[in-house]
Amino acid sequence: MTSIVAASMPNPNSARELPALARQAGLRNIKIETFAISTPHEFFLRAMAGSLSKAADDGIVPRSEVEEFLAEQASLHTNGDFFQAWLFVLVSGTV
């Protein structure tokens, strides 16, 4: 399901390209910071449910699989075991 959501983004792997893009832009003394944040179940629904529903509408994945996945996540949330993390990359440099 994560791959389906990633496929709905213009460039889901852009973070790994940022250091090279900074160098290509002529930046020097490049510094890279990575960090992650965890988000609640409500954010998960807002960020992913729409893309998954559209994928089901478009026939990319059976709706039953989407419903099963969302139900599993809701169950994890109910039991206090839901966890989702977003990874970020910050690249800076000097001109």
N, C-alpha and C. Protein backbone atom coordinates (compact mmCIF):
# COMPACT_ATOMS: atom_id res chain seq x y z
N MET A 1 0.82 -1.19 0.00
CA MET A 1 0.00 0.00 0.00
C MET A 1 0.87 1.26 0.00
N THR A 2 1.99 1.20 0.69
CA THR A 2 2.89 2.36 0.72
C THR A 2 3.37 2.70 -0.69
N SER A 3 3.65 1.68 -1.49
CA SER A 3 4.11 1.91 -2.87
C SER A 3 3.02 2.58 -3.70
N ILE A 4 1.78 2.22 -3.44
CA ILE A 4 0.67 2.84 -4.18
C ILE A 4 0.60 4.33 -3.86
N VAL A 5 0.74 4.67 -2.59
CA VAL A 5 0.71 6.09 -2.20
C VAL A 5 1.93 6.81 -2.79
N ALA A 6 3.10 6.18 -2.73
CA ALA A 6 4.30 6.80 -3.29
C ALA A 6 4.14 7.06 -4.79
N ALA A 7 3.50 6.14 -5.47
CA ALA A 7 3.30 6.29 -6.92
C ALA A 7 2.39 7.48 -7.24
N SER A 8 1.60 7.93 -6.28
CA SER A 8 0.71 9.06 -6.52
C SER A 8 1.41 10.41 -6.34
N MET A 9 2.67 10.38 -5.89
CA MET A 9 3.44 11.61 -5.67
C MET A 9 4.31 11.89 -6.88
N PRO A 10 4.54 13.18 -7.20
CA PRO A 10 5.36 13.51 -8.37
C PRO A 10 6.76 12.90 -8.32
N ASN A 11 7.42 12.92 -7.20
CA ASN A 11 8.75 12.32 -7.08
C ASN A 11 8.94 11.84 -5.64
N PRO A 12 8.47 10.63 -5.33
CA PRO A 12 8.53 10.17 -3.94
C PRO A 12 9.94 9.92 -3.42
N ASN A 13 10.93 9.84 -4.30
CA ASN A 13 12.31 9.59 -3.89
C ASN A 13 13.18 10.83 -4.00
N SER A 14 12.58 11.99 -4.03
CA SER A 14 13.35 13.22 -4.25
C SER A 14 14.39 13.47 -3.16
N ALA A 15 14.13 13.03 -1.96
CA ALA A 15 15.07 13.29 -0.87
C ALA A 15 16.44 12.70 -1.15
N ARG A 16 16.48 11.52 -1.75
CA ARG A 16 17.79 10.91 -2.01
C ARG A 16 18.54 11.63 -3.12
N GLU A 17 17.84 12.44 -3.91
CA GLU A 17 18.48 13.18 -4.99
C GLU A 17 18.98 14.56 -4.55
N LEU A 18 18.54 15.03 -3.41
CA LEU A 18 18.85 16.40 -2.99
C LEU A 18 20.34 16.71 -2.88
N PRO A 19 21.18 15.85 -2.29
CA PRO A 19 22.61 16.19 -2.22
C PRO A 19 23.24 16.39 -3.60
N ALA A 20 22.92 15.52 -4.54
CA ALA A 20 23.47 15.65 -5.89
C ALA A 20 22.94 16.91 -6.57
N LEU A 21 21.67 17.22 -6.37
CA LEU A 21 21.10 18.42 -6.96
C LEU A 21 21.75 19.68 -6.38
N ALA A 22 22.05 19.66 -5.10
CA ALA A 22 22.72 20.80 -4.48
C ALA A 22 24.11 21.00 -5.08
N ARG A 23 24.85 19.90 -5.27
CA ARG A 23 26.18 20.00 -5.90
C ARG A 23 26.07 20.50 -7.34
N GLN A 24 25.09 19.96 -8.08
CA GLN A 24 24.90 20.39 -9.47
C GLN A 24 24.54 21.87 -9.55
N ALA A 25 23.90 22.39 -8.51
CA ALA A 25 23.54 23.81 -8.48
C ALA A 25 24.71 24.69 -8.08
N GLY A 26 25.85 24.07 -7.76
CA GLY A 26 27.04 24.83 -7.42
C GLY A 26 27.24 25.09 -5.94
N LEU A 27 26.44 24.49 -5.09
CA LEU A 27 26.63 24.70 -3.66
C LEU A 27 27.86 23.95 -3.17
N ARG A 28 28.52 24.52 -2.18
CA ARG A 28 29.69 23.90 -1.56
C ARG A 28 29.41 23.74 -0.07
N ASN A 29 30.32 23.05 0.59
CA ASN A 29 30.17 22.82 2.03
C ASN A 29 28.78 22.26 2.35
N ILE A 30 28.39 21.29 1.57
CA ILE A 30 27.05 20.72 1.72
C ILE A 30 26.94 19.95 3.03
N LYS A 31 25.85 20.22 3.72
CA LYS A 31 25.52 19.51 4.96
C LYS A 31 24.19 18.82 4.77
N ILE A 32 24.11 17.61 5.25
CA ILE A 32 22.89 16.83 5.11
C ILE A 32 22.41 16.41 6.50
N GLU A 33 21.17 16.71 6.77
CA GLU A 33 20.55 16.28 8.02
C GLU A 33 19.34 15.41 7.68
N THR A 34 19.20 14.33 8.40
CA THR A 34 18.02 13.48 8.22
C THR A 34 17.27 13.43 9.54
N PHE A 35 15.98 13.37 9.44
CA PHE A 35 15.18 13.22 10.65
C PHE A 35 13.86 12.57 10.31
N ALA A 36 13.22 12.07 11.33
CA ALA A 36 11.93 11.41 11.16
C ALA A 36 10.95 11.96 12.19
N ILE A 37 9.70 11.96 11.81
CA ILE A 37 8.65 12.30 12.77
C ILE A 37 7.60 11.21 12.71
N SER A 38 7.04 10.91 13.84
CA SER A 38 5.92 9.97 13.86
C SER A 38 4.63 10.78 13.86
N THR A 39 3.62 10.21 13.26
CA THR A 39 2.35 10.92 13.13
C THR A 39 1.22 10.03 13.65
N PRO A 40 0.13 10.64 14.09
CA PRO A 40 -0.99 9.85 14.60
C PRO A 40 -1.81 9.20 13.49
N HIS A 41 -2.66 8.31 13.89
CA HIS A 41 -3.51 7.59 12.95
C HIS A 41 -4.35 8.55 12.10
N GLU A 42 -4.82 9.62 12.71
CA GLU A 42 -5.65 10.58 11.97
C GLU A 42 -4.86 11.20 10.81
N PHE A 43 -3.59 11.47 11.03
CA PHE A 43 -2.76 12.01 9.95
C PHE A 43 -2.56 10.96 8.86
N PHE A 44 -2.33 9.72 9.27
CA PHE A 44 -2.22 8.62 8.32
C PHE A 44 -3.44 8.59 7.40
N LEU A 45 -4.63 8.67 7.99
CA LEU A 45 -5.86 8.63 7.17
C LEU A 45 -5.91 9.81 6.21
N ARG A 46 -5.57 10.99 6.71
CA ARG A 46 -5.61 12.18 5.85
C ARG A 46 -4.59 12.08 4.72
N ALA A 47 -3.41 11.55 5.02
CA ALA A 47 -2.32 11.52 4.03
C ALA A 47 -2.45 10.37 3.04
N MET A 48 -3.02 9.24 3.46
CA MET A 48 -2.95 8.05 2.61
C MET A 48 -4.29 7.51 2.12
N ALA A 49 -5.34 7.68 2.88
CA ALA A 49 -6.61 7.04 2.53
C ALA A 49 -7.14 7.48 1.16
N GLY A 50 -7.01 8.75 0.86
CA GLY A 50 -7.50 9.25 -0.43
C GLY A 50 -6.78 8.63 -1.62
N SER A 51 -5.46 8.53 -1.52
CA SER A 51 -4.68 7.93 -2.60
C SER A 51 -5.03 6.45 -2.77
N LEU A 52 -5.22 5.77 -1.65
CA LEU A 52 -5.57 4.35 -1.72
C LEU A 52 -6.96 4.15 -2.31
N SER A 53 -7.89 5.00 -1.93
CA SER A 53 -9.24 4.92 -2.48
C SER A 53 -9.23 5.18 -3.99
N LYS A 54 -8.45 6.17 -4.43
CA LYS A 54 -8.34 6.45 -5.86
C LYS A 54 -7.72 5.28 -6.60
N ALA A 55 -6.70 4.65 -5.99
CA ALA A 55 -6.08 3.48 -6.62
C ALA A 55 -7.10 2.36 -6.79
N ALA A 56 -7.97 2.19 -5.81
CA ALA A 56 -9.03 1.18 -5.93
C ALA A 56 -10.01 1.57 -7.04
N ASP A 57 -10.39 2.86 -7.08
CA ASP A 57 -11.30 3.34 -8.13
C ASP A 57 -10.71 3.13 -9.51
N ASP A 58 -9.39 3.30 -9.62
CA ASP A 58 -8.71 3.16 -10.92
C ASP A 58 -8.37 1.71 -11.25
N GLY A 59 -8.69 0.77 -10.37
CA GLY A 59 -8.43 -0.64 -10.63
C GLY A 59 -6.99 -1.07 -10.40
N ILE A 60 -6.20 -0.25 -9.72
CA ILE A 60 -4.79 -0.58 -9.47
C ILE A 60 -4.68 -1.64 -8.39
N VAL A 61 -5.59 -1.56 -7.43
CA VAL A 61 -5.61 -2.51 -6.31
C VAL A 61 -7.07 -2.81 -5.99
N PRO A 62 -7.38 -4.04 -5.63
CA PRO A 62 -8.78 -4.33 -5.28
C PRO A 62 -9.23 -3.54 -4.05
N ARG A 63 -10.43 -3.03 -4.10
CA ARG A 63 -10.96 -2.25 -2.97
C ARG A 63 -10.92 -3.07 -1.69
N SER A 64 -11.12 -4.37 -1.79
CA SER A 64 -11.10 -5.22 -0.59
C SER A 64 -9.73 -5.18 0.09
N GLU A 65 -8.65 -5.09 -0.69
CA GLU A 65 -7.31 -5.00 -0.10
C GLU A 65 -7.11 -3.66 0.60
N VAL A 66 -7.62 -2.60 0.00
CA VAL A 66 -7.53 -1.28 0.63
C VAL A 66 -8.30 -1.29 1.94
N GLU A 67 -9.52 -1.82 1.91
CA GLU A 67 -10.35 -1.85 3.11
C GLU A 67 -9.69 -2.70 4.20
N GLU A 68 -9.11 -3.83 3.80
CA GLU A 68 -8.43 -4.70 4.77
C GLU A 68 -7.23 -3.97 5.40
N PHE A 69 -6.45 -3.29 4.56
CA PHE A 69 -5.28 -2.55 5.06
C PHE A 69 -5.70 -1.46 6.03
N LEU A 70 -6.71 -0.68 5.64
CA LEU A 70 -7.17 0.41 6.51
C LEU A 70 -7.75 -0.13 7.81
N ALA A 71 -8.44 -1.27 7.74
CA ALA A 71 -8.98 -1.90 8.95
C ALA A 71 -7.86 -2.38 9.87
N GLU A 72 -6.80 -2.92 9.28
CA GLU A 72 -5.65 -3.35 10.08
C GLU A 72 -5.02 -2.16 10.81
N GLN A 73 -4.88 -1.04 10.11
CA GLN A 73 -4.30 0.14 10.72
C GLN A 73 -5.21 0.68 11.83
N ALA A 74 -6.52 0.65 11.60
CA ALA A 74 -7.47 1.11 12.62
C ALA A 74 -7.40 0.21 13.85
N SER A 75 -7.26 -1.09 13.64
CA SER A 75 -7.13 -2.02 14.76
C SER A 75 -5.86 -1.75 15.56
N LEU A 76 -4.76 -1.51 14.85
CA LEU A 76 -3.52 -1.16 15.53
C LEU A 76 -3.70 0.11 16.37
N HIS A 77 -4.39 1.08 15.79
CA HIS A 77 -4.65 2.34 16.49
C HIS A 77 -5.49 2.09 17.75
N THR A 78 -6.54 1.31 17.62
CA THR A 78 -7.42 1.00 18.75
C THR A 78 -6.65 0.32 19.87
N ASN A 79 -5.70 -0.55 19.51
CA ASN A 79 -4.92 -1.29 20.50
C ASN A 79 -3.71 -0.50 21.02
N GLY A 80 -3.51 0.71 20.49
CA GLY A 80 -2.37 1.52 20.92
C GLY A 80 -1.06 1.13 20.25
N ASP A 81 -1.13 0.37 19.17
CA ASP A 81 0.07 -0.12 18.51
C ASP A 81 0.34 0.51 17.15
N PHE A 82 -0.46 1.50 16.75
CA PHE A 82 -0.25 2.13 15.45
C PHE A 82 1.03 2.96 15.47
N PHE A 83 1.81 2.86 14.42
CA PHE A 83 3.01 3.69 14.28
C PHE A 83 3.24 3.98 12.81
N GLN A 84 3.46 5.24 12.51
CA GLN A 84 3.83 5.66 11.17
C GLN A 84 4.91 6.71 11.31
N ALA A 85 5.91 6.65 10.47
CA ALA A 85 6.98 7.64 10.50
C ALA A 85 7.20 8.20 9.10
N TRP A 86 7.51 9.47 9.06
CA TRP A 86 7.86 10.15 7.81
C TRP A 86 9.32 10.54 7.92
N LEU A 87 10.08 10.24 6.88
CA LEU A 87 11.51 10.54 6.86
C LEU A 87 11.75 11.80 6.03
N PHE A 88 12.62 12.66 6.53
CA PHE A 88 12.92 13.92 5.86
C PHE A 88 14.43 14.09 5.71
N VAL A 89 14.82 14.80 4.65
CA VAL A 89 16.21 15.12 4.40
C VAL A 89 16.32 16.63 4.19
N LEU A 90 17.23 17.25 4.93
CA LEU A 90 17.49 18.67 4.80
C LEU A 90 18.90 18.84 4.28
N VAL A 91 19.03 19.49 3.14
CA VAL A 91 20.34 19.72 2.54
C VAL A 91 20.60 21.21 2.48
N SER A 92 21.76 21.62 2.96
CA SER A 92 22.13 23.04 2.90
C SER A 92 23.57 23.15 2.42
N GLY A 93 23.91 24.32 1.94
CA GLY A 93 25.26 24.56 1.46
C GLY A 93 25.49 26.05 1.27
N THR A 94 26.71 26.37 0.86
CA THR A 94 27.04 27.78 0.62
C THR A 94 27.31 27.97 -0.88
N VAL A 95 27.17 29.21 -1.29
CA VAL A 95 27.35 29.53 -2.71
C VAL A 95 28.80 29.89 -2.97
